[in-house]
Amino acid sequence: NRKIEFLYKKKNEYFYLKNDKKEDSLIYVLPYKVSLIGIDGFLKFSNNEIESLEKYFLYIDQMPIRKNEKKFDKLCN
C-alpha cells in the first residue's frame, strides 16, 4: 500500500520503470545509484550501493507520512 514509483536514469533523464514514460518534474540530477525522494519532493535517502527492497521499505516505513498511512493499510492476500 505504499505510494512508490521506480525510475531509471538514461542520459541524465529519468523514466518510469513501469511504462518507460519520461519523468519531467524532477529538476535536479541525482548522482547516486539509489535515491529515495519523499512525497514532498525532497531527497530522503541516497546511496551508491544497491540493497534489498526490504531495507528500503523499512526506511520508508519510518517516514512520518508513511507512519500515518500505515494506520489505514489493508493486508494483501
N, C-alpha and C. Protein backbone atom coordinates (compact mmCIF):
# COMPACT_ATOMS: atom_id res chain seq x y z
N ASN A 1 0.81 -1.21 0.00
CA ASN A 1 0.00 0.00 0.00
C ASN A 1 0.85 1.27 0.00
N ARG A 2 2.12 1.13 -0.28
CA ARG A 2 3.00 2.30 -0.32
C ARG A 2 2.82 3.02 -1.66
N LYS A 3 2.97 4.33 -1.63
CA LYS A 3 2.93 5.11 -2.86
C LYS A 3 4.36 5.20 -3.39
N ILE A 4 4.72 4.25 -4.25
CA ILE A 4 6.10 4.15 -4.72
C ILE A 4 6.13 4.15 -6.24
N GLU A 5 7.07 4.89 -6.76
CA GLU A 5 7.35 4.87 -8.19
C GLU A 5 8.83 4.52 -8.36
N PHE A 6 9.13 3.64 -9.28
CA PHE A 6 10.51 3.29 -9.59
C PHE A 6 10.88 3.94 -10.90
N LEU A 7 12.03 4.61 -10.90
CA LEU A 7 12.52 5.28 -12.10
C LEU A 7 13.93 4.80 -12.41
N TYR A 8 14.31 4.92 -13.65
CA TYR A 8 15.68 4.65 -14.04
C TYR A 8 16.21 5.85 -14.81
N LYS A 9 17.53 5.96 -14.81
CA LYS A 9 18.19 7.10 -15.43
C LYS A 9 18.83 6.67 -16.75
N LYS A 10 18.62 7.48 -17.77
CA LYS A 10 19.22 7.23 -19.07
C LYS A 10 19.59 8.57 -19.67
N LYS A 11 20.89 8.79 -19.89
CA LYS A 11 21.39 10.04 -20.47
C LYS A 11 20.88 11.26 -19.69
N ASN A 12 21.02 11.21 -18.36
CA ASN A 12 20.62 12.30 -17.46
C ASN A 12 19.14 12.65 -17.53
N GLU A 13 18.32 11.71 -17.96
CA GLU A 13 16.87 11.87 -17.91
C GLU A 13 16.31 10.67 -17.16
N TYR A 14 15.16 10.85 -16.54
CA TYR A 14 14.56 9.80 -15.73
C TYR A 14 13.29 9.29 -16.38
N PHE A 15 13.08 7.96 -16.28
CA PHE A 15 11.94 7.30 -16.89
C PHE A 15 11.31 6.36 -15.88
N TYR A 16 9.98 6.23 -15.95
CA TYR A 16 9.27 5.30 -15.07
C TYR A 16 9.54 3.87 -15.52
N LEU A 17 9.89 3.04 -14.57
CA LEU A 17 10.18 1.65 -14.87
C LEU A 17 8.94 0.91 -15.39
N LYS A 18 7.75 1.28 -14.90
CA LYS A 18 6.53 0.55 -15.25
C LYS A 18 6.07 0.76 -16.68
N ASN A 19 6.43 1.91 -17.29
CA ASN A 19 5.91 2.18 -18.64
C ASN A 19 6.88 2.94 -19.56
N ASP A 20 8.08 3.18 -19.09
CA ASP A 20 9.13 3.87 -19.86
C ASP A 20 8.78 5.31 -20.23
N LYS A 21 7.79 5.90 -19.57
CA LYS A 21 7.47 7.31 -19.83
C LYS A 21 8.46 8.20 -19.12
N LYS A 22 8.81 9.30 -19.75
CA LYS A 22 9.77 10.25 -19.19
C LYS A 22 9.15 11.00 -18.02
N GLU A 23 9.95 11.18 -16.96
CA GLU A 23 9.54 11.96 -15.79
C GLU A 23 10.09 13.37 -15.97
N ASP A 24 9.20 14.33 -16.10
CA ASP A 24 9.63 15.70 -16.36
C ASP A 24 9.66 16.60 -15.13
N SER A 25 9.13 16.14 -14.00
CA SER A 25 9.05 17.03 -12.84
C SER A 25 10.33 17.09 -12.02
N LEU A 26 11.23 16.12 -12.17
CA LEU A 26 12.50 16.17 -11.44
C LEU A 26 13.36 17.27 -12.03
N ILE A 27 13.76 18.19 -11.18
CA ILE A 27 14.51 19.36 -11.68
C ILE A 27 15.98 19.30 -11.30
N TYR A 28 16.45 18.17 -10.82
CA TYR A 28 17.85 18.04 -10.45
C TYR A 28 18.36 16.67 -10.87
N VAL A 29 19.67 16.56 -10.98
CA VAL A 29 20.29 15.30 -11.35
C VAL A 29 20.71 14.58 -10.07
N LEU A 30 20.35 13.34 -9.95
CA LEU A 30 20.69 12.54 -8.78
C LEU A 30 21.95 11.74 -9.07
N PRO A 31 23.02 11.99 -8.33
CA PRO A 31 24.30 11.32 -8.63
C PRO A 31 24.44 9.92 -8.03
N TYR A 32 23.41 9.42 -7.37
CA TYR A 32 23.52 8.14 -6.67
C TYR A 32 22.81 7.02 -7.43
N LYS A 33 23.22 5.79 -7.13
CA LYS A 33 22.54 4.64 -7.72
C LYS A 33 21.14 4.50 -7.17
N VAL A 34 20.98 4.83 -5.88
CA VAL A 34 19.67 4.73 -5.22
C VAL A 34 19.36 6.06 -4.56
N SER A 35 18.19 6.60 -4.84
CA SER A 35 17.73 7.83 -4.21
C SER A 35 16.26 7.67 -3.86
N LEU A 36 15.92 7.94 -2.61
CA LEU A 36 14.53 7.92 -2.19
C LEU A 36 14.08 9.36 -2.04
N ILE A 37 13.05 9.71 -2.76
CA ILE A 37 12.51 11.06 -2.73
C ILE A 37 11.14 11.00 -2.09
N GLY A 38 10.93 11.87 -1.11
CA GLY A 38 9.66 11.88 -0.40
C GLY A 38 8.55 12.49 -1.22
N ILE A 39 7.33 12.35 -0.71
CA ILE A 39 6.16 12.92 -1.37
C ILE A 39 6.33 14.43 -1.52
N ASP A 40 7.08 15.03 -0.59
CA ASP A 40 7.32 16.48 -0.63
C ASP A 40 8.34 16.88 -1.69
N GLY A 41 8.96 15.90 -2.35
CA GLY A 41 9.92 16.18 -3.41
C GLY A 41 11.35 16.31 -2.94
N PHE A 42 11.61 16.17 -1.65
CA PHE A 42 12.97 16.29 -1.13
C PHE A 42 13.63 14.93 -1.02
N LEU A 43 14.95 14.93 -1.20
CA LEU A 43 15.75 13.71 -1.09
C LEU A 43 15.76 13.25 0.36
N LYS A 44 15.37 12.01 0.60
CA LYS A 44 15.31 11.45 1.95
C LYS A 44 16.44 10.48 2.24
N PHE A 45 16.94 9.82 1.20
CA PHE A 45 17.98 8.82 1.37
C PHE A 45 18.69 8.65 0.05
N SER A 46 20.01 8.45 0.12
CA SER A 46 20.77 8.16 -1.10
C SER A 46 21.93 7.24 -0.75
N ASN A 47 22.34 6.45 -1.73
CA ASN A 47 23.42 5.51 -1.51
C ASN A 47 23.93 5.04 -2.87
N ASN A 48 25.20 4.74 -2.93
CA ASN A 48 25.76 4.21 -4.17
C ASN A 48 25.76 2.68 -4.19
N GLU A 49 25.27 2.07 -3.13
CA GLU A 49 25.15 0.61 -3.06
C GLU A 49 23.69 0.23 -3.22
N ILE A 50 23.42 -0.70 -4.10
CA ILE A 50 22.06 -1.21 -4.27
C ILE A 50 21.84 -2.31 -3.24
N GLU A 51 20.77 -2.18 -2.46
CA GLU A 51 20.48 -3.14 -1.41
C GLU A 51 19.09 -3.74 -1.64
N SER A 52 18.63 -4.52 -0.70
CA SER A 52 17.35 -5.21 -0.87
C SER A 52 16.18 -4.24 -0.78
N LEU A 53 15.09 -4.59 -1.47
CA LEU A 53 13.88 -3.78 -1.37
C LEU A 53 13.37 -3.73 0.06
N GLU A 54 13.54 -4.82 0.79
CA GLU A 54 13.08 -4.86 2.18
C GLU A 54 13.73 -3.75 3.00
N LYS A 55 15.03 -3.51 2.77
CA LYS A 55 15.73 -2.45 3.52
C LYS A 55 15.12 -1.09 3.19
N TYR A 56 14.84 -0.85 1.92
CA TYR A 56 14.25 0.44 1.53
C TYR A 56 12.85 0.58 2.09
N PHE A 57 12.08 -0.50 2.08
CA PHE A 57 10.73 -0.45 2.64
C PHE A 57 10.77 -0.14 4.13
N LEU A 58 11.72 -0.73 4.86
CA LEU A 58 11.86 -0.43 6.28
C LEU A 58 12.17 1.05 6.49
N TYR A 59 13.04 1.58 5.65
CA TYR A 59 13.38 3.01 5.75
C TYR A 59 12.15 3.87 5.45
N ILE A 60 11.45 3.55 4.39
CA ILE A 60 10.25 4.30 4.01
C ILE A 60 9.20 4.23 5.11
N ASP A 61 9.05 3.06 5.72
CA ASP A 61 8.03 2.88 6.75
C ASP A 61 8.30 3.71 8.00
N GLN A 62 9.51 4.24 8.15
CA GLN A 62 9.83 5.10 9.30
C GLN A 62 9.57 6.58 9.02
N MET A 63 9.25 6.92 7.78
CA MET A 63 8.98 8.32 7.44
C MET A 63 7.63 8.73 8.02
N PRO A 64 7.50 9.97 8.50
CA PRO A 64 6.27 10.42 9.16
C PRO A 64 4.99 10.24 8.34
N ILE A 65 5.01 10.59 7.08
CA ILE A 65 3.80 10.45 6.26
C ILE A 65 3.43 8.98 6.12
N ARG A 66 4.43 8.14 5.92
CA ARG A 66 4.17 6.70 5.78
C ARG A 66 3.63 6.12 7.07
N LYS A 67 4.16 6.56 8.22
CA LYS A 67 3.65 6.07 9.50
C LYS A 67 2.16 6.36 9.62
N ASN A 68 1.75 7.52 9.19
CA ASN A 68 0.33 7.87 9.23
C ASN A 68 -0.48 7.02 8.25
N GLU A 69 0.06 6.79 7.06
CA GLU A 69 -0.62 5.97 6.05
C GLU A 69 -0.83 4.54 6.54
N LYS A 70 0.14 4.01 7.29
CA LYS A 70 0.07 2.62 7.73
C LYS A 70 -1.16 2.34 8.58
N LYS A 71 -1.69 3.35 9.22
CA LYS A 71 -2.89 3.18 10.04
C LYS A 71 -4.07 2.70 9.19
N PHE A 72 -4.03 3.01 7.89
CA PHE A 72 -5.15 2.71 7.01
C PHE A 72 -4.83 1.61 6.00
N ASP A 73 -3.66 1.00 6.12
CA ASP A 73 -3.27 -0.08 5.20
C ASP A 73 -4.19 -1.28 5.34
N LYS A 74 -4.41 -1.93 4.23
CA LYS A 74 -5.14 -3.20 4.21
C LYS A 74 -4.15 -4.29 3.86
N LEU A 75 -4.32 -5.45 4.44
CA LEU A 75 -3.43 -6.57 4.16
C LEU A 75 -3.67 -7.10 2.76
N CYS A 76 -2.58 -7.46 2.10
CA CYS A 76 -2.67 -8.08 0.77
C CYS A 76 -2.76 -9.59 0.95
N ASN A 77 -3.57 -10.22 0.15
CA ASN A 77 -3.70 -11.69 0.22
C ASN A 77 -2.82 -12.35 -0.80
